[in-house]
Amino acid sequence: MAETTIALTNDLKEKIKEFGNKGETYSEIISKLIVIAKERQLQYLLMDEKNTISIDEALLNAKKRWQK
Protein backbone atom coordinates (compact mmCIF):
# COMPACT_ATOMS: atom_id res chain seq x y z
CA MET A 1 0.00 0.00 0.00
CA ALA A 2 1.26 3.46 -0.84
CA GLU A 3 2.33 5.64 2.06
CA THR A 4 1.88 9.35 2.53
CA THR A 5 3.05 12.02 4.92
CA ILE A 6 0.67 14.21 6.89
CA ALA A 7 1.65 17.30 8.83
CA LEU A 8 0.84 17.29 12.54
CA THR A 9 1.75 19.64 15.31
CA ASN A 10 4.13 18.16 17.86
CA ASP A 11 1.37 18.51 20.45
CA LEU A 12 -1.04 16.40 18.37
CA LYS A 13 1.67 13.85 17.62
CA GLU A 14 2.24 13.39 21.37
CA LYS A 15 -1.50 13.06 22.01
CA ILE A 16 -1.78 10.34 19.35
CA LYS A 17 1.21 8.55 20.84
CA GLU A 18 -0.66 8.35 24.19
CA PHE A 19 -3.18 5.98 22.59
CA GLY A 20 -0.55 3.56 21.35
CA ASN A 21 1.46 0.76 22.83
CA LYS A 22 5.22 0.41 22.67
CA GLY A 23 6.30 -0.49 19.17
CA GLU A 24 3.06 0.57 17.43
CA THR A 25 3.35 2.82 14.44
CA TYR A 26 1.30 5.99 14.09
CA SER A 27 -0.58 4.27 11.29
CA GLU A 28 -1.54 1.41 13.63
CA ILE A 29 -2.58 3.81 16.38
CA ILE A 30 -4.71 5.91 14.04
CA SER A 31 -6.31 2.76 12.57
CA LYS A 32 -7.20 1.64 16.09
CA LEU A 33 -8.68 5.07 16.88
CA ILE A 34 -10.80 4.95 13.70
CA VAL A 35 -12.25 1.56 14.71
CA ILE A 36 -13.12 2.96 18.15
CA ALA A 37 -14.70 6.07 16.60
CA LYS A 38 -16.83 3.95 14.24
CA GLU A 39 -17.99 1.77 17.15
CA ARG A 40 -18.92 4.88 19.11
CA GLN A 41 -20.87 6.29 16.14
CA LEU A 42 -22.78 3.02 15.85
CA GLN A 43 -23.46 2.98 19.58
CA TYR A 44 -24.74 6.56 19.41
CA LEU A 45 -26.98 5.68 16.47
CA LEU A 46 -28.38 2.58 18.19
CA MET A 47 -28.90 4.31 21.52
CA ASP A 48 -30.56 7.42 20.08
CA GLU A 49 -34.03 7.63 21.57
CA LYS A 50 -35.57 9.84 18.89
CA ASN A 51 -38.46 8.14 17.10
CA THR A 52 -38.50 5.20 19.51
CA ILE A 53 -41.21 3.59 21.61
CA SER A 54 -41.02 1.67 24.86
CA ILE A 55 -40.83 -2.12 24.91
CA ASP A 56 -44.26 -2.27 26.55
CA GLU A 57 -45.76 -0.16 23.77
CA ALA A 58 -44.04 -2.29 21.11
CA LEU A 59 -45.42 -5.49 22.69
CA LEU A 60 -48.92 -4.01 22.84
CA ASN A 61 -48.70 -3.00 19.17
CA ALA A 62 -47.48 -6.48 18.22
CA LYS A 63 -50.32 -8.17 20.12
CA LYS A 64 -52.88 -5.95 18.39
CA ARG A 65 -51.34 -6.64 15.00
CA TRP A 66 -51.04 -10.42 15.33
CA GLN A 67 -54.17 -11.37 17.22
CA LYS A 68 -55.22 -14.98 16.97
PDB file of N, CA and C in Angstrom:
ATOM      1  N   MET A   1       0.839  -1.166   0.000  1.00  0.00           N
ATOM      2  CA  MET A   1       0.000   0.000   0.000  1.00  0.00           C
ATOM      3  C   MET A   1       0.894   1.242   0.000  1.00  0.00           C
ATOM      4  N   ALA A   2       0.484   2.229  -0.760  1.00  0.00           N
ATOM      5  CA  ALA A   2       1.261   3.460  -0.836  1.00  0.00           C
ATOM      6  C   ALA A   2       1.198   4.211   0.491  1.00  0.00           C
ATOM      7  N   GLU A   3       2.268   4.867   0.820  1.00  0.00           N
ATOM      8  CA  GLU A   3       2.325   5.636   2.058  1.00  0.00           C
ATOM      9  C   GLU A   3       2.317   7.110   1.727  1.00  0.00           C
ATOM     10  N   THR A   4       1.909   7.912   2.692  1.00  0.00           N
ATOM     11  CA  THR A   4       1.881   9.353   2.532  1.00  0.00           C
ATOM     12  C   THR A   4       2.361  10.002   3.823  1.00  0.00           C
ATOM     13  N   THR A   5       2.626  11.259   3.749  1.00  0.00           N
ATOM     14  CA  THR A   5       3.047  12.018   4.917  1.00  0.00           C
ATOM     15  C   THR A   5       1.982  13.053   5.216  1.00  0.00           C
ATOM     16  N   ILE A   6       1.605  13.165   6.483  1.00  0.00           N
ATOM     17  CA  ILE A   6       0.669  14.211   6.886  1.00  0.00           C
ATOM     18  C   ILE A   6       1.341  15.079   7.934  1.00  0.00           C
ATOM     19  N   ALA A   7       1.041  16.360   7.886  1.00  0.00           N
ATOM     20  CA  ALA A   7       1.648  17.305   8.826  1.00  0.00           C
ATOM     21  C   ALA A   7       0.816  17.362  10.101  1.00  0.00           C
ATOM     22  N   LEU A   8       1.477  17.194  11.231  1.00  0.00           N
ATOM     23  CA  LEU A   8       0.839  17.285  12.541  1.00  0.00           C
ATOM     24  C   LEU A   8       1.662  18.211  13.417  1.00  0.00           C
ATOM     25  N   THR A   9       0.991  18.876  14.330  1.00  0.00           N
ATOM     26  CA  THR A   9       1.754  19.639  15.309  1.00  0.00           C
ATOM     27  C   THR A   9       2.411  18.640  16.259  1.00  0.00           C
ATOM     28  N   ASN A  10       3.478  19.045  16.886  1.00  0.00           N
ATOM     29  CA  ASN A  10       4.133  18.165  17.858  1.00  0.00           C
ATOM     30  C   ASN A  10       3.186  17.796  18.996  1.00  0.00           C
ATOM     31  N   ASP A  11       2.329  18.753  19.385  1.00  0.00           N
ATOM     32  CA  ASP A  11       1.365  18.505  20.450  1.00  0.00           C
ATOM     33  C   ASP A  11       0.401  17.380  20.053  1.00  0.00           C
ATOM     34  N   LEU A  12      -0.125  17.429  18.836  1.00  0.00           N
ATOM     35  CA  LEU A  12      -1.044  16.398  18.372  1.00  0.00           C
ATOM     36  C   LEU A  12      -0.327  15.056  18.223  1.00  0.00           C
ATOM     37  N   LYS A  13       0.883  15.080  17.755  1.00  0.00           N
ATOM     38  CA  LYS A  13       1.674  13.855  17.623  1.00  0.00           C
ATOM     39  C   LYS A  13       1.828  13.175  18.978  1.00  0.00           C
ATOM     40  N   GLU A  14       2.089  13.939  20.022  1.00  0.00           N
ATOM     41  CA  GLU A  14       2.235  13.389  21.369  1.00  0.00           C
ATOM     42  C   GLU A  14       0.908  12.833  21.891  1.00  0.00           C
ATOM     43  N   LYS A  15      -0.185  13.532  21.577  1.00  0.00           N
ATOM     44  CA  LYS A  15      -1.503  13.055  22.008  1.00  0.00           C
ATOM     45  C   LYS A  15      -1.845  11.732  21.328  1.00  0.00           C
ATOM     46  N   ILE A  16      -1.533  11.598  20.065  1.00  0.00           N
ATOM     47  CA  ILE A  16      -1.776  10.343  19.345  1.00  0.00           C
ATOM     48  C   ILE A  16      -0.943   9.231  19.957  1.00  0.00           C
ATOM     49  N   LYS A  17       0.299   9.543  20.268  1.00  0.00           N
ATOM     50  CA  LYS A  17       1.209   8.552  20.841  1.00  0.00           C
ATOM     51  C   LYS A  17       0.664   7.985  22.159  1.00  0.00           C
ATOM     52  N   GLU A  18      -0.099   8.794  22.920  1.00  0.00           N
ATOM     53  CA  GLU A  18      -0.663   8.353  24.188  1.00  0.00           C
ATOM     54  C   GLU A  18      -1.635   7.185  24.023  1.00  0.00           C
ATOM     55  N   PHE A  19      -2.220   7.048  22.836  1.00  0.00           N
ATOM     56  CA  PHE A  19      -3.179   5.978  22.586  1.00  0.00           C
ATOM     57  C   PHE A  19      -2.517   4.688  22.121  1.00  0.00           C
ATOM     58  N   GLY A  20      -1.244   4.737  21.875  1.00  0.00           N
ATOM     59  CA  GLY A  20      -0.552   3.563  21.351  1.00  0.00           C
ATOM     60  C   GLY A  20       0.178   2.775  22.414  1.00  0.00           C
ATOM     61  N   ASN A  21       0.623   1.618  21.993  1.00  0.00           N
ATOM     62  CA  ASN A  21       1.463   0.765  22.830  1.00  0.00           C
ATOM     63  C   ASN A  21       2.881   0.803  22.282  1.00  0.00           C
ATOM     64  N   LYS A  22       3.832   0.400  23.091  1.00  0.00           N
ATOM     65  CA  LYS A  22       5.223   0.407  22.673  1.00  0.00           C
ATOM     66  C   LYS A  22       5.377  -0.405  21.384  1.00  0.00           C
ATOM     67  N   GLY A  23       6.033   0.186  20.427  1.00  0.00           N
ATOM     68  CA  GLY A  23       6.300  -0.494  19.167  1.00  0.00           C
ATOM     69  C   GLY A  23       5.241  -0.276  18.096  1.00  0.00           C
ATOM     70  N   GLU A  24       4.091   0.314  18.438  1.00  0.00           N
ATOM     71  CA  GLU A  24       3.055   0.566  17.433  1.00  0.00           C
ATOM     72  C   GLU A  24       3.427   1.776  16.587  1.00  0.00           C
ATOM     73  N   THR A  25       3.115   1.689  15.326  1.00  0.00           N
ATOM     74  CA  THR A  25       3.348   2.823  14.435  1.00  0.00           C
ATOM     75  C   THR A  25       2.181   3.800  14.559  1.00  0.00           C
ATOM     76  N   TYR A  26       2.388   5.011  14.082  1.00  0.00           N
ATOM     77  CA  TYR A  26       1.305   5.992  14.092  1.00  0.00           C
ATOM     78  C   TYR A  26       0.148   5.488  13.230  1.00  0.00           C
ATOM     79  N   SER A  27       0.453   4.822  12.153  1.00  0.00           N
ATOM     80  CA  SER A  27      -0.581   4.269  11.291  1.00  0.00           C
ATOM     81  C   SER A  27      -1.435   3.250  12.046  1.00  0.00           C
ATOM     82  N   GLU A  28      -0.798   2.400  12.833  1.00  0.00           N
ATOM     83  CA  GLU A  28      -1.535   1.407  13.626  1.00  0.00           C
ATOM     84  C   GLU A  28      -2.392   2.082  14.698  1.00  0.00           C
ATOM     85  N   ILE A  29      -1.836   3.098  15.335  1.00  0.00           N
ATOM     86  CA  ILE A  29      -2.575   3.814  16.376  1.00  0.00           C
ATOM     87  C   ILE A  29      -3.790   4.503  15.770  1.00  0.00           C
ATOM     88  N   ILE A  30      -3.604   5.201  14.669  1.00  0.00           N
ATOM     89  CA  ILE A  30      -4.714   5.912  14.039  1.00  0.00           C
ATOM     90  C   ILE A  30      -5.767   4.927  13.543  1.00  0.00           C
ATOM     91  N   SER A  31      -5.356   3.792  13.004  1.00  0.00           N
ATOM     92  CA  SER A  31      -6.311   2.762  12.574  1.00  0.00           C
ATOM     93  C   SER A  31      -7.151   2.285  13.752  1.00  0.00           C
ATOM     94  N   LYS A  32      -6.502   2.079  14.888  1.00  0.00           N
ATOM     95  CA  LYS A  32      -7.204   1.644  16.094  1.00  0.00           C
ATOM     96  C   LYS A  32      -8.202   2.717  16.541  1.00  0.00           C
ATOM     97  N   LEU A  33      -7.798   3.979  16.483  1.00  0.00           N
ATOM     98  CA  LEU A  33      -8.684   5.069  16.875  1.00  0.00           C
ATOM     99  C   LEU A  33      -9.887   5.176  15.942  1.00  0.00           C
ATOM    100  N   ILE A  34      -9.691   4.909  14.663  1.00  0.00           N
ATOM    101  CA  ILE A  34     -10.799   4.946  13.703  1.00  0.00           C
ATOM    102  C   ILE A  34     -11.807   3.854  14.021  1.00  0.00           C
ATOM    103  N   VAL A  35     -11.339   2.663  14.347  1.00  0.00           N
ATOM    104  CA  VAL A  35     -12.246   1.563  14.711  1.00  0.00           C
ATOM    105  C   VAL A  35     -13.075   1.965  15.934  1.00  0.00           C
ATOM    106  N   ILE A  36     -12.422   2.536  16.927  1.00  0.00           N
ATOM    107  CA  ILE A  36     -13.119   2.957  18.145  1.00  0.00           C
ATOM    108  C   ILE A  36     -14.149   4.041  17.820  1.00  0.00           C
ATOM    109  N   ALA A  37     -13.779   4.993  16.971  1.00  0.00           N
ATOM    110  CA  ALA A  37     -14.700   6.069  16.600  1.00  0.00           C
ATOM    111  C   ALA A  37     -15.917   5.522  15.862  1.00  0.00           C
ATOM    112  N   LYS A  38     -15.707   4.549  14.965  1.00  0.00           N
ATOM    113  CA  LYS A  38     -16.834   3.950  14.241  1.00  0.00           C
ATOM    114  C   LYS A  38     -17.749   3.205  15.194  1.00  0.00           C
ATOM    115  N   GLU A  39     -17.186   2.482  16.154  1.00  0.00           N
ATOM    116  CA  GLU A  39     -17.993   1.770  17.146  1.00  0.00           C
ATOM    117  C   GLU A  39     -18.814   2.752  17.974  1.00  0.00           C
ATOM    118  N   ARG A  40     -18.205   3.869  18.334  1.00  0.00           N
ATOM    119  CA  ARG A  40     -18.921   4.881  19.113  1.00  0.00           C
ATOM    120  C   ARG A  40     -20.042   5.505  18.299  1.00  0.00           C
ATOM    121  N   GLN A  41     -19.810   5.753  17.005  1.00  0.00           N
ATOM    122  CA  GLN A  41     -20.865   6.287  16.143  1.00  0.00           C
ATOM    123  C   GLN A  41     -22.033   5.316  16.070  1.00  0.00           C
ATOM    124  N   LEU A  42     -21.739   4.032  15.913  1.00  0.00           N
ATOM    125  CA  LEU A  42     -22.777   3.021  15.846  1.00  0.00           C
ATOM    126  C   LEU A  42     -23.536   2.957  17.164  1.00  0.00           C
ATOM    127  N   GLN A  43     -22.823   3.006  18.269  1.00  0.00           N
ATOM    128  CA  GLN A  43     -23.465   2.983  19.577  1.00  0.00           C
ATOM    129  C   GLN A  43     -24.385   4.187  19.731  1.00  0.00           C
ATOM    130  N   TYR A  44     -23.929   5.350  19.322  1.00  0.00           N
ATOM    131  CA  TYR A  44     -24.744   6.557  19.414  1.00  0.00           C
ATOM    132  C   TYR A  44     -26.008   6.400  18.564  1.00  0.00           C
ATOM    133  N   LEU A  45     -25.852   5.873  17.362  1.00  0.00           N
ATOM    134  CA  LEU A  45     -26.982   5.677  16.470  1.00  0.00           C
ATOM    135  C   LEU A  45     -27.988   4.704  17.075  1.00  0.00           C
ATOM    136  N   LEU A  46     -27.497   3.593  17.631  1.00  0.00           N
ATOM    137  CA  LEU A  46     -28.383   2.577  18.190  1.00  0.00           C
ATOM    138  C   LEU A  46     -29.043   3.031  19.489  1.00  0.00           C
ATOM    139  N   MET A  47     -28.374   3.880  20.235  1.00  0.00           N
ATOM    140  CA  MET A  47     -28.905   4.309  21.524  1.00  0.00           C
ATOM    141  C   MET A  47     -29.718   5.601  21.438  1.00  0.00           C
ATOM    142  N   ASP A  48     -29.796   6.187  20.262  1.00  0.00           N
ATOM    143  CA  ASP A  48     -30.556   7.419  20.078  1.00  0.00           C
ATOM    144  C   ASP A  48     -32.030   7.135  20.333  1.00  0.00           C
ATOM    145  N   GLU A  49     -32.649   7.901  21.186  1.00  0.00           N
ATOM    146  CA  GLU A  49     -34.029   7.632  21.575  1.00  0.00           C
ATOM    147  C   GLU A  49     -35.053   8.377  20.736  1.00  0.00           C
ATOM    148  N   LYS A  50     -34.621   9.168  19.769  1.00  0.00           N
ATOM    149  CA  LYS A  50     -35.569   9.845  18.895  1.00  0.00           C
ATOM    150  C   LYS A  50     -36.319   8.798  18.081  1.00  0.00           C
ATOM    151  N   ASN A  51     -37.605   9.019  17.901  1.00  0.00           N
ATOM    152  CA  ASN A  51     -38.461   8.144  17.096  1.00  0.00           C
ATOM    153  C   ASN A  51     -38.484   6.709  17.622  1.00  0.00           C
ATOM    154  N   THR A  52     -38.439   6.534  18.925  1.00  0.00           N
ATOM    155  CA  THR A  52     -38.503   5.199  19.509  1.00  0.00           C
ATOM    156  C   THR A  52     -39.740   5.082  20.389  1.00  0.00           C
ATOM    157  N   ILE A  53     -40.116   3.843  20.689  1.00  0.00           N
ATOM    158  CA  ILE A  53     -41.214   3.593  21.609  1.00  0.00           C
ATOM    159  C   ILE A  53     -40.710   2.626  22.676  1.00  0.00           C
ATOM    160  N   SER A  54     -41.436   2.565  23.776  1.00  0.00           N
ATOM    161  CA  SER A  54     -41.023   1.673  24.859  1.00  0.00           C
ATOM    162  C   SER A  54     -41.274   0.223  24.458  1.00  0.00           C
ATOM    163  N   ILE A  55     -40.646  -0.688  25.167  1.00  0.00           N
ATOM    164  CA  ILE A  55     -40.835  -2.115  24.911  1.00  0.00           C
ATOM    165  C   ILE A  55     -42.288  -2.497  25.166  1.00  0.00           C
ATOM    166  N   ASP A  56     -42.865  -1.961  26.240  1.00  0.00           N
ATOM    167  CA  ASP A  56     -44.263  -2.269  26.547  1.00  0.00           C
ATOM    168  C   ASP A  56     -45.192  -1.834  25.412  1.00  0.00           C
ATOM    169  N   GLU A  57     -44.953  -0.655  24.880  1.00  0.00           N
ATOM    170  CA  GLU A  57     -45.759  -0.155  23.767  1.00  0.00           C
ATOM    171  C   GLU A  57     -45.562  -1.017  22.520  1.00  0.00           C
ATOM    172  N   ALA A  58     -44.328  -1.436  22.269  1.00  0.00           N
ATOM    173  CA  ALA A  58     -44.043  -2.294  21.110  1.00  0.00           C
ATOM    174  C   ALA A  58     -44.743  -3.640  21.249  1.00  0.00           C
ATOM    175  N   LEU A  59     -44.737  -4.211  22.455  1.00  0.00           N
ATOM    176  CA  LEU A  59     -45.424  -5.486  22.687  1.00  0.00           C
ATOM    177  C   LEU A  59     -46.931  -5.341  22.496  1.00  0.00           C
ATOM    178  N   LEU A  60     -47.494  -4.265  23.007  1.00  0.00           N
ATOM    179  CA  LEU A  60     -48.922  -4.008  22.842  1.00  0.00           C
ATOM    180  C   LEU A  60     -49.276  -3.882  21.362  1.00  0.00           C
ATOM    181  N   ASN A  61     -48.466  -3.143  20.620  1.00  0.00           N
ATOM    182  CA  ASN A  61     -48.700  -3.001  19.170  1.00  0.00           C
ATOM    183  C   ASN A  61     -48.614  -4.334  18.464  1.00  0.00           C
ATOM    184  N   ALA A  62     -47.654  -5.164  18.848  1.00  0.00           N
ATOM    185  CA  ALA A  62     -47.482  -6.475  18.220  1.00  0.00           C
ATOM    186  C   ALA A  62     -48.678  -7.366  18.516  1.00  0.00           C
ATOM    187  N   LYS A  63     -49.169  -7.346  19.756  1.00  0.00           N
ATOM    188  CA  LYS A  63     -50.322  -8.172  20.123  1.00  0.00           C
ATOM    189  C   LYS A  63     -51.566  -7.758  19.338  1.00  0.00           C
ATOM    190  N   LYS A  64     -51.745  -6.447  19.162  1.00  0.00           N
ATOM    191  CA  LYS A  64     -52.881  -5.953  18.387  1.00  0.00           C
ATOM    192  C   LYS A  64     -52.778  -6.383  16.929  1.00  0.00           C
ATOM    193  N   ARG A  65     -51.568  -6.348  16.405  1.00  0.00           N
ATOM    194  CA  ARG A  65     -51.344  -6.641  14.997  1.00  0.00           C
ATOM    195  C   ARG A  65     -51.487  -8.132  14.680  1.00  0.00           C
ATOM    196  N   TRP A  66     -51.048  -8.985  15.589  1.00  0.00           N
ATOM    197  CA  TRP A  66     -51.041 -10.422  15.329  1.00  0.00           C
ATOM    198  C   TRP A  66     -51.965 -11.164  16.292  1.00  0.00           C
ATOM    199  N   GLN A  67     -53.196 -10.686  16.370  1.00  0.00           N
ATOM    200  CA  GLN A  67     -54.165 -11.365  17.220  1.00  0.00           C
ATOM    201  C   GLN A  67     -54.541 -12.695  16.605  1.00  0.00           C
ATOM    202  N   LYS A  68     -54.822 -13.645  17.467  1.00  0.00           N
ATOM    203  CA  LYS A  68     -55.220 -14.980  16.971  1.00  0.00           C
ATOM    204  C   LYS A  68     -56.698 -15.023  16.760  1.00  0.00           C
TER     205      LYS A  68
END
